[in-house]
C-alpha atoms as a PDB file:
ATOM      1  CA  MET A   1      83.085 111.665  92.143  1.00  0.00           C
ATOM      2  CA  ALA A   2      82.211 109.872  88.993  1.00  0.00           C
ATOM      3  CA  VAL A   3      81.060 106.371  88.715  1.00  0.00           C
ATOM      4  CA  ARG A   4      83.602 104.467  86.600  1.00  0.00           C
ATOM      5  CA  ARG A   5      82.173 101.511  85.019  1.00  0.00           C
ATOM      6  CA  THR A   6      83.197  98.504  83.260  1.00  0.00           C
ATOM      7  CA  VAL A   7      83.195  98.554  79.229  1.00  0.00           C
ATOM      8  CA  LEU A   8      80.739  95.264  79.477  1.00  0.00           C
ATOM      9  CA  GLY A   9      78.643  96.963  82.033  1.00  0.00           C
ATOM     10  CA  ASP A  10      78.433 100.432  79.827  1.00  0.00           C
ATOM     11  CA  ALA A  11      78.007  97.798  76.512  1.00  0.00           C
ATOM     12  CA  LEU A  12      75.251  96.235  77.788  1.00  0.00           C
ATOM     13  CA  ILE A  13      73.606  99.405  79.487  1.00  0.00           C
ATOM     14  CA  ARG A  14      73.387 100.472  75.881  1.00  0.00           C
ATOM     15  CA  GLN A  15      71.724  97.638  74.771  1.00  0.00           C
ATOM     16  CA  GLN A  16      70.062  97.457  77.427  1.00  0.00           C
ATOM     17  CA  ALA A  17      68.401 101.249  76.920  1.00  0.00           C
ATOM     18  CA  THR A  18      68.834 101.439  73.444  1.00  0.00           C
ATOM     19  CA  GLY A  19      68.725  98.534  71.879  1.00  0.00           C
ATOM     20  CA  ARG A  20      71.981  99.780  70.150  1.00  0.00           C
ATOM     21  CA  THR A  21      75.107  96.953  70.115  1.00  0.00           C
ATOM     22  CA  ASP A  22      77.806  98.904  68.687  1.00  0.00           C
ATOM     23  CA  LEU A  23      79.707  99.009  72.284  1.00  0.00           C
ATOM     24  CA  LEU A  24      79.013  94.705  72.853  1.00  0.00           C
ATOM     25  CA  ASP A  25      80.261  94.814  68.714  1.00  0.00           C
ATOM     26  CA  ALA A  26      83.247  96.829  69.945  1.00  0.00           C
ATOM     27  CA  TYR A  27      83.963  94.934  73.201  1.00  0.00           C
ATOM     28  CA  SER A  28      87.041  92.606  72.176  1.00  0.00           C
ATOM     29  CA  ASP A  29      88.759  95.247  70.031  1.00  0.00           C
ATOM     30  CA  THR A  30      88.419  97.707  73.008  1.00  0.00           C
ATOM     31  CA  CYS A  31      89.335  95.458  75.748  1.00  0.00           C
ATOM     32  CA  LEU A  32      92.501  93.943  73.333  1.00  0.00           C
ATOM     33  CA  ARG A  33      93.662  97.562  73.415  1.00  0.00           C
ATOM     34  CA  ARG A  34      93.737  97.556  76.574  1.00  0.00           C
ATOM     35  CA  VAL A  35      95.306  93.876  77.119  1.00  0.00           C
ATOM     36  CA  ARG A  36      98.214  94.932  74.729  1.00  0.00           C
ATOM     37  CA  ARG A  37      98.963  98.405  76.292  1.00  0.00           C
ATOM     38  CA  ALA A  38      99.333  96.525  79.825  1.00  0.00           C
ATOM     39  CA  GLU A  39     101.316  93.492  78.324  1.00  0.00           C
ATOM     40  CA  HIS A  40     103.695  96.626  76.543  1.00  0.00           C
ATOM     41  CA  PHE A  41     103.931  97.822  79.814  1.00  0.00           C
ATOM     42  CA  SER A  42     104.626  95.113  81.855  1.00  0.00           C
ATOM     43  CA  TYR A  43     107.052  94.112  79.061  1.00  0.00           C
ATOM     44  CA  PHE A  44     108.901  97.444  79.675  1.00  0.00           C
ATOM     45  CA  MET A  45     108.866  96.944  83.200  1.00  0.00           C
ATOM     46  CA  THR A  46     110.159  93.778  83.296  1.00  0.00           C
ATOM     47  CA  THR A  47     112.981  94.680  81.217  1.00  0.00           C
ATOM     48  CA  ARG A  48     114.126  98.150  83.066  1.00  0.00           C
ATOM     49  CA  LEU A  49     113.910  97.071  86.028  1.00  0.00           C
ATOM     50  CA  HIS A  50     115.765  93.005  86.056  1.00  0.00           C
ATOM     51  CA  THR A  51     118.953  91.819  84.587  1.00  0.00           C
ATOM     52  CA  ALA A  52     118.780  89.208  82.254  1.00  0.00           C
ATOM     53  CA  PRO A  53     121.659  86.001  82.569  1.00  0.00           C
ATOM     54  CA  GLU A  54     122.894  86.653  79.002  1.00  0.00           C
ATOM     55  CA  GLN A  55     122.885  90.293  79.056  1.00  0.00           C
ATOM     56  CA  SER A  56     126.243  92.237  77.883  1.00  0.00           C
ATOM     57  CA  ALA A  57     128.382  94.516  80.513  1.00  0.00           C
ATOM     58  CA  PHE A  58     126.397  97.021  78.256  1.00  0.00           C
ATOM     59  CA  ASP A  59     122.568  96.612  78.466  1.00  0.00           C
ATOM     60  CA  PRO A  60     122.159  97.809  81.906  1.00  0.00           C
ATOM     61  CA  ARG A  61     123.324 101.345  80.961  1.00  0.00           C
ATOM     62  CA  PRO A  62     120.226 101.824  78.615  1.00  0.00           C
ATOM     63  CA  GLN A  63     118.526 100.523  81.560  1.00  0.00           C
ATOM     64  CA  ILE A  64     119.763 102.862  84.192  1.00  0.00           C
ATOM     65  CA  ALA A  65     119.486 105.762  81.329  1.00  0.00           C
ATOM     66  CA  GLN A  66     115.347 104.951  81.224  1.00  0.00           C
ATOM     67  CA  LEU A  67     114.724 104.464  84.791  1.00  0.00           C
ATOM     68  CA  ASP A  68     117.533 108.353  85.851  1.00  0.00           C
ATOM     69  CA  ARG A  69     114.678 109.895  82.583  1.00  0.00           C
ATOM     70  CA  ILE A  70     111.719 108.374  84.788  1.00  0.00           C
ATOM     71  CA  ALA A  71     113.077 109.714  87.976  1.00  0.00           C
ATOM     72  CA  ALA A  72     114.081 113.582  86.303  1.00  0.00           C
ATOM     73  CA  SER A  73     111.437 114.212  83.980  1.00  0.00           C
ATOM     74  CA  PRO A  74     107.579 114.922  85.534  1.00  0.00           C
ATOM     75  CA  HIS A  75     106.392 113.920  81.933  1.00  0.00           C
ATOM     76  CA  ALA A  76     108.453 110.259  81.962  1.00  0.00           C
ATOM     77  CA  ALA A  77     107.177 109.719  85.637  1.00  0.00           C
ATOM     78  CA  ALA A  78     103.259 111.220  84.744  1.00  0.00           C
ATOM     79  CA  GLU A  79     103.387 108.358  82.308  1.00  0.00           C
ATOM     80  CA  LEU A  80     104.809 105.966  83.943  1.00  0.00           C
ATOM     81  CA  ALA A  81     102.386 106.762  86.764  1.00  0.00           C
ATOM     82  CA  VAL A  82      99.196 106.472  83.976  1.00  0.00           C
ATOM     83  CA  ASN A  83     100.693 103.082  82.889  1.00  0.00           C
ATOM     84  CA  TYR A  84     100.916 101.011  86.494  1.00  0.00           C
ATOM     85  CA  THR A  85      98.052 102.331  87.992  1.00  0.00           C
ATOM     86  CA  GLY A  86      95.590 103.066  84.766  1.00  0.00           C
ATOM     87  CA  THR A  87      94.227 106.020  85.449  1.00  0.00           C
ATOM     88  CA  ALA A  88      94.601 109.481  84.474  1.00  0.00           C
ATOM     89  CA  PRO A  89      97.001 111.743  85.955  1.00  0.00           C
ATOM     90  CA  ALA A  90      96.100 114.116  88.211  1.00  0.00           C
ATOM     91  CA  ARG A  91      97.433 117.064  85.995  1.00  0.00           C
ATOM     92  CA  PRO A  92      96.679 116.461  82.031  1.00  0.00           C
ATOM     93  CA  ASP A  93      99.232 118.591  81.441  1.00  0.00           C
ATOM     94  CA  LEU A  94     101.948 116.240  82.197  1.00  0.00           C
ATOM     95  CA  GLY A  95     100.834 112.973  80.286  1.00  0.00           C
ATOM     96  CA  PRO A  96      98.868 110.864  78.054  1.00  0.00           C
ATOM     97  CA  ALA A  97      95.164 109.847  79.747  1.00  0.00           C
END
């Protein structure tokens, strides 16, 4: 079983072991990418699963179509699972890592 470390932990270990600060220098950019992906996923889930008071009669149709795609497509379901859990899929051929 592989040990999963944190971004900061890896950066500190490298700095202590080698004196290199490249991971520490990249820490903010690395973490901001992850935060932005999480924010985007949160927005996606909120806008797929909830209706807004100002929605038109048409607006729920694309929501339902996107949810149907996730339910019908192993690739879309794997992508949702990866985004939801933050882990790589069990079968890498079914979604992005």
